[in-house]
Amino acid sequence: MVSILMPVDGSPEALEAVHLALRLRTHGLAFTAVLLNVQEPPHLYEVVLAPDAEVIEGASHDAGEHALQAAHALLDAAGVACTGLVVTGDLAQQVVEQAELQGCDLIVLALQDHAVAHAVERHSRVPVLRVPHQPPEVDAQDLAELGEPAEARTPAA
């Protein structure tokens, strides 16, 4: 069984990566998932204002756990075994490092930041599947609800 690392930040784009992995499953790919959320290290301002480091660390971990919830729910509903992991550090470096530490065979990465995706691809020892963002389709009814005139919706011949 394949183990897939999926970096998740709670965004719709990150969930597209989870949906893609689930589509691969319908085509016969059996996998387990490691959901990864990478939190930025605390800024100096946060360190100065916080009463102690545990408060900052706890808040960061809670934010990371929250970001993992939707992806975890999707995988659970599909019957895919998954674990969640929240770490602090540089995003690209942590994705590469955690893929290796967790013994993952593939990284499924939502394409949000091209520099991060490029760094992950360049340094990863496992294959990286980049998932481009697909803007939602808009139909005529959606446009009509926004009040756009019909002639603006009809392409010119």
C-alpha atoms as a PDB file:
ATOM      1  CA  MET A   1       0.000   0.000   0.000  1.00  0.00           C
ATOM      2  CA  VAL A   2       1.269   3.458  -0.924  1.00  0.00           C
ATOM      3  CA  SER A   3       1.749   6.137   1.727  1.00  0.00           C
ATOM      4  CA  ILE A   4       0.971   9.664   0.536  1.00  0.00           C
ATOM      5  CA  LEU A   5       2.073  12.863   2.257  1.00  0.00           C
ATOM      6  CA  MET A   6      -0.409  15.701   1.737  1.00  0.00           C
ATOM      7  CA  PRO A   7       0.571  19.144   2.994  1.00  0.00           C
ATOM      8  CA  VAL A   8      -2.621  20.856   4.141  1.00  0.00           C
ATOM      9  CA  ASP A   9      -3.144  24.445   5.214  1.00  0.00           C
ATOM     10  CA  GLY A  10      -6.943  24.408   5.387  1.00  0.00           C
ATOM     11  CA  SER A  11      -7.363  26.185   2.043  1.00  0.00           C
ATOM     12  CA  PRO A  12      -9.684  25.009  -0.737  1.00  0.00           C
ATOM     13  CA  GLU A  13      -6.595  24.475  -2.905  1.00  0.00           C
ATOM     14  CA  ALA A  14      -5.118  22.056  -0.387  1.00  0.00           C
ATOM     15  CA  LEU A  15      -8.391  20.148  -0.300  1.00  0.00           C
ATOM     16  CA  GLU A  16      -8.170  19.784  -4.087  1.00  0.00           C
ATOM     17  CA  ALA A  17      -5.046  17.684  -3.500  1.00  0.00           C
ATOM     18  CA  VAL A  18      -7.012  15.446  -1.139  1.00  0.00           C
ATOM     19  CA  HIS A  19      -9.814  15.120  -3.711  1.00  0.00           C
ATOM     20  CA  LEU A  20      -7.269  14.178  -6.386  1.00  0.00           C
ATOM     21  CA  ALA A  21      -5.821  11.455  -4.171  1.00  0.00           C
ATOM     22  CA  LEU A  22      -9.338  10.136  -3.584  1.00  0.00           C
ATOM     23  CA  ARG A  23      -9.957  10.080  -7.352  1.00  0.00           C
ATOM     24  CA  LEU A  24      -6.770   8.032  -7.746  1.00  0.00           C
ATOM     25  CA  ARG A  25      -8.220   5.637  -5.206  1.00  0.00           C
ATOM     26  CA  THR A  26     -11.282   5.094  -7.415  1.00  0.00           C
ATOM     27  CA  HIS A  27      -8.841   4.027 -10.141  1.00  0.00           C
ATOM     28  CA  GLY A  28      -7.313   1.366  -7.907  1.00  0.00           C
ATOM     29  CA  LEU A  29      -4.587   3.151  -5.932  1.00  0.00           C
ATOM     30  CA  ALA A  30      -4.711   1.857  -2.367  1.00  0.00           C
ATOM     31  CA  PHE A  31      -3.094   4.342  -0.013  1.00  0.00           C
ATOM     32  CA  THR A  32      -2.755   5.636   3.495  1.00  0.00           C
ATOM     33  CA  ALA A  33      -2.308   9.339   4.092  1.00  0.00           C
ATOM     34  CA  VAL A  34      -0.145  11.548   6.240  1.00  0.00           C
ATOM     35  CA  LEU A  35      -1.682  14.999   6.498  1.00  0.00           C
ATOM     36  CA  LEU A  36       0.958  17.608   7.245  1.00  0.00           C
ATOM     37  CA  ASN A  37       0.449  21.153   8.452  1.00  0.00           C
ATOM     38  CA  VAL A  38       3.529  23.342   8.720  1.00  0.00           C
ATOM     39  CA  GLN A  39       3.316  26.329  11.028  1.00  0.00           C
ATOM     40  CA  GLU A  40       5.678  29.275  10.735  1.00  0.00           C
ATOM     41  CA  PRO A  41       8.083  29.761  13.628  1.00  0.00           C
ATOM     42  CA  PRO A  42       6.924  32.477  16.040  1.00  0.00           C
ATOM     43  CA  HIS A  43       7.824  36.034  15.191  1.00  0.00           C
ATOM     44  CA  LEU A  44       9.808  38.131  17.632  1.00  0.00           C
ATOM     45  CA  TYR A  45       6.704  40.192  18.379  1.00  0.00           C
ATOM     46  CA  GLU A  46       4.808  37.051  19.469  1.00  0.00           C
ATOM     47  CA  VAL A  47       7.709  35.905  21.631  1.00  0.00           C
ATOM     48  CA  VAL A  48       7.866  39.282  23.384  1.00  0.00           C
ATOM     49  CA  LEU A  49       4.110  39.448  24.031  1.00  0.00           C
ATOM     50  CA  ALA A  50       3.483  35.843  25.086  1.00  0.00           C
ATOM     51  CA  PRO A  51       3.835  34.975  28.761  1.00  0.00           C
ATOM     52  CA  ASP A  52       5.781  31.818  27.893  1.00  0.00           C
ATOM     53  CA  ALA A  53       6.804  29.672  24.958  1.00  0.00           C
ATOM     54  CA  GLU A  54       4.195  27.006  25.760  1.00  0.00           C
ATOM     55  CA  VAL A  55       1.379  29.460  25.014  1.00  0.00           C
ATOM     56  CA  ILE A  56       2.765  30.214  21.554  1.00  0.00           C
ATOM     57  CA  GLU A  57       3.464  26.555  20.864  1.00  0.00           C
ATOM     58  CA  GLY A  58      -0.028  25.532  21.984  1.00  0.00           C
ATOM     59  CA  ALA A  59      -1.738  28.164  19.850  1.00  0.00           C
ATOM     60  CA  SER A  60       0.345  27.182  16.832  1.00  0.00           C
ATOM     61  CA  HIS A  61      -0.427  23.494  17.296  1.00  0.00           C
ATOM     62  CA  ASP A  62      -4.158  24.209  17.708  1.00  0.00           C
ATOM     63  CA  ALA A  63      -4.168  26.274  14.496  1.00  0.00           C
ATOM     64  CA  GLY A  64      -2.446  23.421  12.680  1.00  0.00           C
ATOM     65  CA  GLU A  65      -4.915  20.836  13.984  1.00  0.00           C
ATOM     66  CA  HIS A  66      -7.786  23.075  12.875  1.00  0.00           C
ATOM     67  CA  ALA A  67      -6.281  23.319   9.369  1.00  0.00           C
ATOM     68  CA  LEU A  68      -6.185  19.516   9.123  1.00  0.00           C
ATOM     69  CA  GLN A  69      -9.836  18.927  10.090  1.00  0.00           C
ATOM     70  CA  ALA A  70     -11.544  19.164   6.687  1.00  0.00           C
ATOM     71  CA  ALA A  71      -8.961  16.976   4.949  1.00  0.00           C
ATOM     72  CA  HIS A  72      -9.116  14.454   7.772  1.00  0.00           C
ATOM     73  CA  ALA A  73     -12.924  14.352   7.520  1.00  0.00           C
ATOM     74  CA  LEU A  74     -12.787  13.730   3.743  1.00  0.00           C
ATOM     75  CA  LEU A  75     -10.344  10.863   4.122  1.00  0.00           C
ATOM     76  CA  ASP A  76     -12.234   9.366   7.063  1.00  0.00           C
ATOM     77  CA  ALA A  77     -15.492   9.479   5.096  1.00  0.00           C
ATOM     78  CA  ALA A  78     -13.780   7.633   2.236  1.00  0.00           C
ATOM     79  CA  GLY A  79     -12.377   5.003   4.593  1.00  0.00           C
ATOM     80  CA  VAL A  80      -8.753   6.007   4.066  1.00  0.00           C
ATOM     81  CA  ALA A  81      -6.465   5.537   7.059  1.00  0.00           C
ATOM     82  CA  CYS A  82      -4.720   8.791   7.838  1.00  0.00           C
ATOM     83  CA  THR A  83      -2.659  10.492  10.473  1.00  0.00           C
ATOM     84  CA  GLY A  84      -2.208  14.184  11.086  1.00  0.00           C
ATOM     85  CA  LEU A  85       1.037  15.902  11.869  1.00  0.00           C
ATOM     86  CA  VAL A  86       1.680  19.531  12.840  1.00  0.00           C
ATOM     87  CA  VAL A  87       5.264  20.804  12.704  1.00  0.00           C
ATOM     88  CA  THR A  88       6.976  24.179  12.776  1.00  0.00           C
ATOM     89  CA  GLY A  89       9.521  25.407  10.269  1.00  0.00           C
ATOM     90  CA  ASP A  90      10.124  26.178   6.625  1.00  0.00           C
ATOM     91  CA  LEU A  91       7.306  24.751   4.496  1.00  0.00           C
ATOM     92  CA  ALA A  92       9.336  23.231   1.659  1.00  0.00           C
ATOM     93  CA  GLN A  93      12.004  21.846   3.983  1.00  0.00           C
ATOM     94  CA  GLN A  94       9.436  20.277   6.313  1.00  0.00           C
ATOM     95  CA  VAL A  95       7.489  18.682   3.453  1.00  0.00           C
ATOM     96  CA  VAL A  96      10.637  17.013   2.143  1.00  0.00           C
ATOM     97  CA  GLU A  97      11.856  16.041   5.611  1.00  0.00           C
ATOM     98  CA  GLN A  98       8.530  14.669   6.834  1.00  0.00           C
ATOM     99  CA  ALA A  99       7.997  12.655   3.650  1.00  0.00           C
ATOM    100  CA  GLU A 100      11.251  10.880   4.422  1.00  0.00           C
ATOM    101  CA  LEU A 101      10.685  10.562   8.182  1.00  0.00           C
ATOM    102  CA  GLN A 102       7.152   9.216   7.720  1.00  0.00           C
ATOM    103  CA  GLY A 103       8.247   6.747   5.026  1.00  0.00           C
ATOM    104  CA  CYS A 104       5.960   8.225   2.361  1.00  0.00           C
ATOM    105  CA  ASP A 105       6.069   7.022  -1.235  1.00  0.00           C
ATOM    106  CA  LEU A 106       4.486  10.095  -2.820  1.00  0.00           C
ATOM    107  CA  ILE A 107       3.820  13.759  -2.059  1.00  0.00           C
ATOM    108  CA  VAL A 108       0.570  15.202  -3.391  1.00  0.00           C
ATOM    109  CA  LEU A 109       1.048  18.952  -3.316  1.00  0.00           C
ATOM    110  CA  ALA A 110      -1.499  21.654  -4.069  1.00  0.00           C
ATOM    111  CA  LEU A 111       0.031  24.221  -6.361  1.00  0.00           C
ATOM    112  CA  GLN A 112      -0.294  27.512  -4.488  1.00  0.00           C
ATOM    113  CA  ASP A 113       3.236  28.787  -4.195  1.00  0.00           C
ATOM    114  CA  HIS A 114       5.391  27.919  -7.195  1.00  0.00           C
ATOM    115  CA  ALA A 115       8.632  28.566  -5.293  1.00  0.00           C
ATOM    116  CA  VAL A 116       7.656  26.114  -2.546  1.00  0.00           C
ATOM    117  CA  ALA A 117       6.522  23.491  -5.048  1.00  0.00           C
ATOM    118  CA  HIS A 118       9.760  23.865  -7.006  1.00  0.00           C
ATOM    119  CA  ALA A 119      11.864  23.530  -3.841  1.00  0.00           C
ATOM    120  CA  VAL A 120       9.954  20.408  -2.788  1.00  0.00           C
ATOM    121  CA  GLU A 121      10.392  18.832  -6.225  1.00  0.00           C
ATOM    122  CA  ARG A 122      14.074  19.691  -6.337  1.00  0.00           C
ATOM    123  CA  HIS A 123      14.931  18.234  -2.914  1.00  0.00           C
ATOM    124  CA  SER A 124      12.465  15.371  -2.499  1.00  0.00           C
ATOM    125  CA  ARG A 125      13.619  11.781  -2.800  1.00  0.00           C
ATOM    126  CA  VAL A 126      10.056  10.673  -3.515  1.00  0.00           C
ATOM    127  CA  PRO A 127       7.858  11.638  -6.472  1.00  0.00           C
ATOM    128  CA  VAL A 128       5.840  14.834  -6.187  1.00  0.00           C
ATOM    129  CA  LEU A 129       2.437  15.158  -7.808  1.00  0.00           C
ATOM    130  CA  ARG A 130       1.574  18.830  -8.233  1.00  0.00           C
ATOM    131  CA  VAL A 131      -2.135  19.605  -8.230  1.00  0.00           C
ATOM    132  CA  PRO A 132      -2.997  22.788 -10.106  1.00  0.00           C
ATOM    133  CA  HIS A 133      -5.781  24.947  -8.761  1.00  0.00           C
ATOM    134  CA  GLN A 134      -8.978  24.502 -10.734  1.00  0.00           C
ATOM    135  CA  PRO A 135     -11.200  27.576 -10.510  1.00  0.00           C
ATOM    136  CA  PRO A 136     -14.822  26.649  -9.936  1.00  0.00           C
ATOM    137  CA  GLU A 137     -17.008  26.525 -12.997  1.00  0.00           C
ATOM    138  CA  VAL A 138     -19.548  29.317 -13.236  1.00  0.00           C
ATOM    139  CA  ASP A 139     -22.816  28.712 -14.978  1.00  0.00           C
ATOM    140  CA  ALA A 140     -25.410  31.160 -16.320  1.00  0.00           C
ATOM    141  CA  GLN A 141     -27.620  30.841 -13.237  1.00  0.00           C
ATOM    142  CA  ASP A 142     -24.734  31.808 -10.938  1.00  0.00           C
ATOM    143  CA  LEU A 143     -24.081  34.890 -13.050  1.00  0.00           C
ATOM    144  CA  ALA A 144     -27.774  35.783 -13.140  1.00  0.00           C
ATOM    145  CA  GLU A 145     -27.887  35.648  -9.332  1.00  0.00           C
ATOM    146  CA  LEU A 146     -25.019  38.132  -9.267  1.00  0.00           C
ATOM    147  CA  GLY A 147     -27.083  40.473 -11.430  1.00  0.00           C
ATOM    148  CA  GLU A 148     -24.874  40.362 -14.508  1.00  0.00           C
ATOM    149  CA  PRO A 149     -26.846  41.259 -17.646  1.00  0.00           C
ATOM    150  CA  ALA A 150     -27.625  38.417 -20.049  1.00  0.00           C
ATOM    151  CA  GLU A 151     -25.697  40.020 -22.907  1.00  0.00           C
ATOM    152  CA  ALA A 152     -22.545  39.973 -20.783  1.00  0.00           C
ATOM    153  CA  ARG A 153     -22.998  36.227 -20.314  1.00  0.00           C
ATOM    154  CA  THR A 154     -23.442  35.475 -23.987  1.00  0.00           C
ATOM    155  CA  PRO A 155     -20.233  35.257 -26.021  1.00  0.00           C
ATOM    156  CA  ALA A 156     -20.146  37.528 -29.041  1.00  0.00           C
ATOM    157  CA  ALA A 157     -20.311  35.772 -32.408  1.00  0.00           C
END
